[in-house]
N, C-alpha and C. Protein backbone atom coordinates (compact mmCIF):
# COMPACT_ATOMS: atom_id res chain seq x y z
N UNK A 1 92.93 101.12 87.62
CA UNK A 1 93.35 99.94 88.34
C UNK A 1 92.66 98.69 87.81
N UNK A 2 91.35 98.77 87.58
CA UNK A 2 90.62 97.61 87.07
C UNK A 2 91.12 97.21 85.69
N UNK A 3 91.54 98.20 84.89
CA UNK A 3 92.06 97.88 83.56
C UNK A 3 93.30 97.00 83.67
N UNK A 4 94.17 97.30 84.64
CA UNK A 4 95.37 96.48 84.83
C UNK A 4 95.00 95.06 85.23
N UNK A 5 93.98 94.93 86.05
CA UNK A 5 93.55 93.59 86.49
C UNK A 5 93.02 92.80 85.30
N UNK A 6 92.18 93.44 84.49
CA UNK A 6 91.64 92.74 83.33
C UNK A 6 92.74 92.38 82.33
N UNK A 7 93.69 93.27 82.14
CA UNK A 7 94.82 92.99 81.25
C UNK A 7 95.61 91.79 81.78
N UNK A 8 95.83 91.77 83.08
CA UNK A 8 96.59 90.66 83.68
C UNK A 8 95.84 89.34 83.55
N UNK A 9 94.54 89.38 83.73
CA UNK A 9 93.74 88.16 83.67
C UNK A 9 93.46 87.70 82.24
N UNK A 10 93.72 88.55 81.26
CA UNK A 10 93.44 88.20 79.86
C UNK A 10 94.35 87.10 79.33
N UNK A 11 95.51 86.94 79.92
CA UNK A 11 96.49 85.97 79.42
C UNK A 11 96.32 84.64 80.15
N UNK A 12 96.19 83.53 79.40
CA UNK A 12 96.00 82.22 80.04
C UNK A 12 97.20 81.78 80.90
N UNK A 13 98.40 82.17 80.52
CA UNK A 13 99.57 81.81 81.32
C UNK A 13 99.52 82.49 82.68
N UNK A 14 99.13 83.75 82.69
CA UNK A 14 99.02 84.46 83.97
C UNK A 14 97.92 83.86 84.84
N UNK A 15 96.83 83.42 84.21
CA UNK A 15 95.78 82.76 85.00
C UNK A 15 96.29 81.46 85.59
N UNK A 16 97.12 80.74 84.86
CA UNK A 16 97.69 79.51 85.41
C UNK A 16 98.64 79.81 86.57
N UNK A 17 99.39 80.88 86.45
CA UNK A 17 100.28 81.28 87.56
C UNK A 17 99.44 81.58 88.80
N UNK A 18 98.34 82.29 88.62
CA UNK A 18 97.46 82.58 89.75
C UNK A 18 96.86 81.30 90.32
N UNK A 19 96.51 80.36 89.44
CA UNK A 19 96.01 79.06 89.91
C UNK A 19 97.04 78.37 90.80
N UNK A 20 98.29 78.41 90.37
CA UNK A 20 99.35 77.77 91.15
C UNK A 20 99.56 78.47 92.48
N UNK A 21 99.45 79.79 92.51
CA UNK A 21 99.59 80.52 93.77
C UNK A 21 98.37 80.29 94.67
N UNK A 22 97.22 80.05 94.07
CA UNK A 22 96.04 79.71 94.86
C UNK A 22 96.24 78.34 95.52
N UNK A 23 96.82 77.43 94.75
CA UNK A 23 97.05 76.08 95.26
C UNK A 23 98.10 76.08 96.38
N UNK A 24 99.15 76.88 96.19
CA UNK A 24 100.22 76.96 97.20
C UNK A 24 100.84 78.35 97.13
N UNK A 25 100.53 79.17 98.10
CA UNK A 25 101.01 80.54 98.16
C UNK A 25 102.47 80.58 98.60
N UNK A 26 103.16 81.67 98.29
CA UNK A 26 104.53 81.86 98.76
C UNK A 26 105.56 81.04 98.02
N UNK A 27 105.49 81.04 96.69
CA UNK A 27 106.43 80.28 95.88
C UNK A 27 107.51 81.19 95.30
N UNK A 28 108.66 80.60 95.07
CA UNK A 28 109.74 81.31 94.39
C UNK A 28 109.52 81.20 92.88
N UNK A 29 110.25 81.98 92.13
CA UNK A 29 110.19 81.91 90.67
C UNK A 29 110.53 80.50 90.19
N UNK A 30 111.54 79.88 90.79
CA UNK A 30 111.95 78.53 90.40
C UNK A 30 110.80 77.54 90.63
N UNK A 31 110.11 77.66 91.75
CA UNK A 31 109.00 76.75 92.04
C UNK A 31 107.85 76.95 91.07
N UNK A 32 107.54 78.20 90.77
CA UNK A 32 106.45 78.48 89.83
C UNK A 32 106.78 77.91 88.46
N UNK A 33 108.00 78.11 88.00
CA UNK A 33 108.42 77.57 86.69
C UNK A 33 108.28 76.05 86.68
N UNK A 34 108.72 75.40 87.74
CA UNK A 34 108.64 73.95 87.83
C UNK A 34 107.21 73.45 87.79
N UNK A 35 106.32 74.12 88.50
CA UNK A 35 104.92 73.71 88.52
C UNK A 35 104.25 73.95 87.17
N UNK A 36 104.62 75.02 86.48
CA UNK A 36 104.04 75.27 85.15
C UNK A 36 104.45 74.19 84.16
N UNK A 37 105.68 73.71 84.29
CA UNK A 37 106.15 72.65 83.39
C UNK A 37 105.48 71.33 83.73
N UNK A 38 105.51 70.93 85.00
CA UNK A 38 105.01 69.61 85.37
C UNK A 38 103.49 69.50 85.32
N UNK A 39 102.78 70.55 85.69
CA UNK A 39 101.32 70.46 85.74
C UNK A 39 100.63 70.91 84.46
N UNK A 40 101.25 71.81 83.71
CA UNK A 40 100.59 72.39 82.54
C UNK A 40 101.37 72.20 81.24
N UNK A 41 102.55 71.64 81.32
CA UNK A 41 103.35 71.43 80.13
C UNK A 41 103.85 72.72 79.49
N UNK A 42 103.94 73.79 80.26
CA UNK A 42 104.41 75.07 79.73
C UNK A 42 105.91 75.19 79.96
N UNK A 43 106.68 75.10 78.92
CA UNK A 43 108.13 75.22 79.01
C UNK A 43 108.59 76.65 78.80
N UNK A 44 108.20 77.54 79.67
CA UNK A 44 108.59 78.94 79.56
C UNK A 44 109.92 79.17 80.26
N UNK A 45 110.66 80.14 79.77
CA UNK A 45 111.91 80.50 80.43
C UNK A 45 111.60 81.22 81.74
N UNK A 46 112.57 81.25 82.62
CA UNK A 46 112.38 81.98 83.88
C UNK A 46 112.12 83.46 83.61
N UNK A 47 112.78 83.99 82.58
CA UNK A 47 112.58 85.39 82.24
C UNK A 47 111.13 85.65 81.81
N UNK A 48 110.56 84.75 81.02
CA UNK A 48 109.17 84.91 80.57
C UNK A 48 108.21 84.86 81.76
N UNK A 49 108.42 83.90 82.66
CA UNK A 49 107.56 83.79 83.84
C UNK A 49 107.73 85.02 84.72
N UNK A 50 108.96 85.51 84.82
CA UNK A 50 109.23 86.71 85.61
C UNK A 50 108.48 87.92 85.04
N UNK A 51 108.41 88.02 83.72
CA UNK A 51 107.68 89.12 83.09
C UNK A 51 106.18 89.01 83.36
N UNK A 52 105.65 87.78 83.32
CA UNK A 52 104.24 87.57 83.65
C UNK A 52 103.98 87.96 85.11
N UNK A 53 104.88 87.58 85.99
CA UNK A 53 104.74 87.94 87.40
C UNK A 53 104.77 89.45 87.61
N UNK A 54 105.58 90.14 86.81
CA UNK A 54 105.66 91.60 86.91
C UNK A 54 104.33 92.24 86.52
N UNK A 55 103.66 91.71 85.51
CA UNK A 55 102.34 92.23 85.11
C UNK A 55 101.33 91.97 86.22
N UNK A 56 101.37 90.77 86.80
CA UNK A 56 100.46 90.44 87.90
C UNK A 56 100.72 91.32 89.12
N UNK A 57 101.99 91.60 89.37
CA UNK A 57 102.34 92.46 90.50
C UNK A 57 101.89 93.90 90.26
N UNK A 58 102.04 94.39 89.02
CA UNK A 58 101.61 95.75 88.69
C UNK A 58 100.10 95.89 88.83
N UNK A 59 99.36 94.81 88.59
CA UNK A 59 97.91 94.83 88.73
C UNK A 59 97.48 94.65 90.18
N UNK A 60 98.43 94.36 91.05
CA UNK A 60 98.12 94.17 92.46
C UNK A 60 97.64 92.79 92.81
N UNK A 61 97.73 91.85 91.86
CA UNK A 61 97.26 90.48 92.10
C UNK A 61 98.32 89.61 92.78
N UNK A 62 99.57 90.03 92.70
CA UNK A 62 100.66 89.29 93.32
C UNK A 62 101.50 90.27 94.12
N UNK A 63 101.86 89.87 95.31
CA UNK A 63 102.80 90.66 96.12
C UNK A 63 104.03 89.82 96.35
N UNK A 64 105.15 90.48 96.58
CA UNK A 64 106.40 89.74 96.78
C UNK A 64 106.99 90.12 98.13
N UNK A 65 107.76 89.20 98.66
CA UNK A 65 108.50 89.45 99.90
C UNK A 65 109.83 88.73 99.78
N UNK A 66 110.85 89.35 100.36
CA UNK A 66 112.19 88.77 100.33
C UNK A 66 112.54 88.22 101.69
N UNK A 67 113.12 87.04 101.67
CA UNK A 67 113.68 86.43 102.87
C UNK A 67 115.06 85.94 102.48
N UNK A 68 116.06 86.65 102.96
CA UNK A 68 117.43 86.32 102.56
C UNK A 68 117.59 86.54 101.07
N UNK A 69 118.07 85.54 100.38
CA UNK A 69 118.26 85.69 98.93
C UNK A 69 117.08 85.17 98.13
N UNK A 70 116.01 84.78 98.81
CA UNK A 70 114.83 84.25 98.13
C UNK A 70 113.74 85.31 98.04
N UNK A 71 113.02 85.28 96.92
CA UNK A 71 111.90 86.18 96.70
C UNK A 71 110.65 85.31 96.55
N UNK A 72 109.69 85.51 97.43
CA UNK A 72 108.48 84.72 97.44
C UNK A 72 107.32 85.52 96.86
N UNK A 73 106.46 84.83 96.13
CA UNK A 73 105.31 85.46 95.48
C UNK A 73 104.04 84.98 96.15
N UNK A 74 103.19 85.93 96.51
CA UNK A 74 101.93 85.63 97.19
C UNK A 74 100.76 86.21 96.42
N UNK A 75 99.66 85.48 96.40
CA UNK A 75 98.44 85.93 95.75
C UNK A 75 97.77 86.99 96.61
N UNK A 76 97.30 88.05 95.96
CA UNK A 76 96.55 89.10 96.65
C UNK A 76 95.21 89.26 95.94
N UNK A 77 94.14 88.91 96.59
CA UNK A 77 92.82 88.92 95.95
C UNK A 77 92.06 90.24 96.10
N UNK A 78 92.66 91.22 96.74
CA UNK A 78 91.97 92.50 96.96
C UNK A 78 91.46 93.14 95.66
N UNK A 79 92.25 93.18 94.57
CA UNK A 79 91.72 93.79 93.34
C UNK A 79 90.52 93.02 92.78
N UNK A 80 90.50 91.70 92.96
CA UNK A 80 89.37 90.91 92.49
C UNK A 80 88.12 91.19 93.33
N UNK A 81 88.31 91.37 94.62
CA UNK A 81 87.20 91.68 95.50
C UNK A 81 86.58 93.02 95.12
N UNK A 82 87.42 93.98 94.74
CA UNK A 82 86.93 95.30 94.30
C UNK A 82 86.05 95.14 93.06
N UNK A 83 86.48 94.32 92.12
CA UNK A 83 85.72 94.12 90.89
C UNK A 83 84.40 93.41 91.19
N UNK A 84 84.45 92.41 92.04
CA UNK A 84 83.24 91.67 92.37
C UNK A 84 82.22 92.58 93.05
N UNK A 85 82.67 93.38 93.99
CA UNK A 85 81.72 94.27 94.68
C UNK A 85 81.20 95.36 93.74
N UNK A 86 81.98 95.69 92.73
CA UNK A 86 81.54 96.71 91.78
C UNK A 86 80.29 96.26 91.04
N UNK A 87 80.28 95.00 90.59
CA UNK A 87 79.15 94.52 89.80
C UNK A 87 78.18 93.64 90.58
N UNK A 88 78.66 92.96 91.57
CA UNK A 88 77.77 92.10 92.33
C UNK A 88 77.40 92.68 93.67
N UNK A 89 78.09 93.76 94.05
CA UNK A 89 77.89 94.51 95.28
C UNK A 89 76.80 94.04 96.21
N UNK A 90 76.22 94.97 96.88
CA UNK A 90 75.16 94.66 97.83
C UNK A 90 73.96 94.13 97.07
N UNK A 91 73.45 93.04 97.56
CA UNK A 91 72.27 92.44 96.92
C UNK A 91 71.05 93.30 97.20
N UNK A 92 70.35 93.64 96.15
CA UNK A 92 69.13 94.40 96.30
C UNK A 92 67.97 93.43 96.25
N UNK A 93 66.89 93.72 96.97
CA UNK A 93 65.75 92.80 96.93
C UNK A 93 65.20 92.73 95.52
N UNK A 94 64.84 91.53 95.15
CA UNK A 94 64.29 91.35 93.81
C UNK A 94 62.90 91.98 93.74
N UNK A 95 62.68 92.69 92.64
CA UNK A 95 61.37 93.31 92.46
C UNK A 95 60.46 92.30 91.77
N UNK A 96 59.22 92.40 92.09
CA UNK A 96 58.25 91.49 91.46
C UNK A 96 58.19 91.81 89.97
N UNK A 97 58.17 90.77 89.20
CA UNK A 97 58.09 90.97 87.75
C UNK A 97 56.67 91.38 87.37
N UNK A 98 56.61 92.26 86.42
CA UNK A 98 55.31 92.67 85.91
C UNK A 98 54.74 91.51 85.11
N UNK A 99 53.52 91.11 85.42
CA UNK A 99 52.96 89.97 84.68
C UNK A 99 52.80 90.33 83.21
N UNK A 100 53.08 89.38 82.40
CA UNK A 100 52.93 89.59 80.96
C UNK A 100 51.46 89.53 80.59
N UNK A 101 51.14 90.33 79.61
CA UNK A 101 49.78 90.28 79.09
C UNK A 101 49.67 89.03 78.24
N UNK A 102 48.70 88.18 78.54
CA UNK A 102 48.59 86.95 77.75
C UNK A 102 48.27 87.28 76.30
N UNK A 103 48.79 86.45 75.43
CA UNK A 103 48.53 86.62 74.00
C UNK A 103 47.09 86.20 73.73
N UNK A 104 46.43 86.95 72.88
CA UNK A 104 45.06 86.54 72.55
C UNK A 104 45.09 85.23 71.77
N UNK A 105 44.13 84.38 71.98
CA UNK A 105 44.11 83.11 71.23
C UNK A 105 43.98 83.39 69.74
N UNK A 106 44.67 82.55 69.01
CA UNK A 106 44.61 82.72 67.56
C UNK A 106 43.25 82.27 67.07
N UNK A 107 42.69 83.06 66.18
CA UNK A 107 41.37 82.69 65.65
C UNK A 107 41.54 81.70 64.51
N UNK A 108 40.65 80.75 64.47
CA UNK A 108 40.70 79.75 63.40
C UNK A 108 39.64 80.08 62.39
N UNK A 109 39.90 80.01 61.10
CA UNK A 109 38.91 80.40 60.07
C UNK A 109 37.84 79.38 59.90
């Protein structure tokens, strides 16, 4: 699962799509395409954006819901939370550092 998340996050276009969903959740494909063009200058086809969304959905970062004939895309941060807790997990108390042995002074001839 984490491999899919890292693969999805590796592409800058997919990260921009996630940025746009962070800014405003529940967008249609048409809205996402429009925001990518106006805010980032990315002139991607709807098919290309749809393929990026499919990768994000497979990684669990985007969920979709249908209302009538519209399909809305929502950001899902659960996979990111799993990764964060994996490496940053519960904070452990910091251990005291072992003092360094001072270097002996250099002798002058």
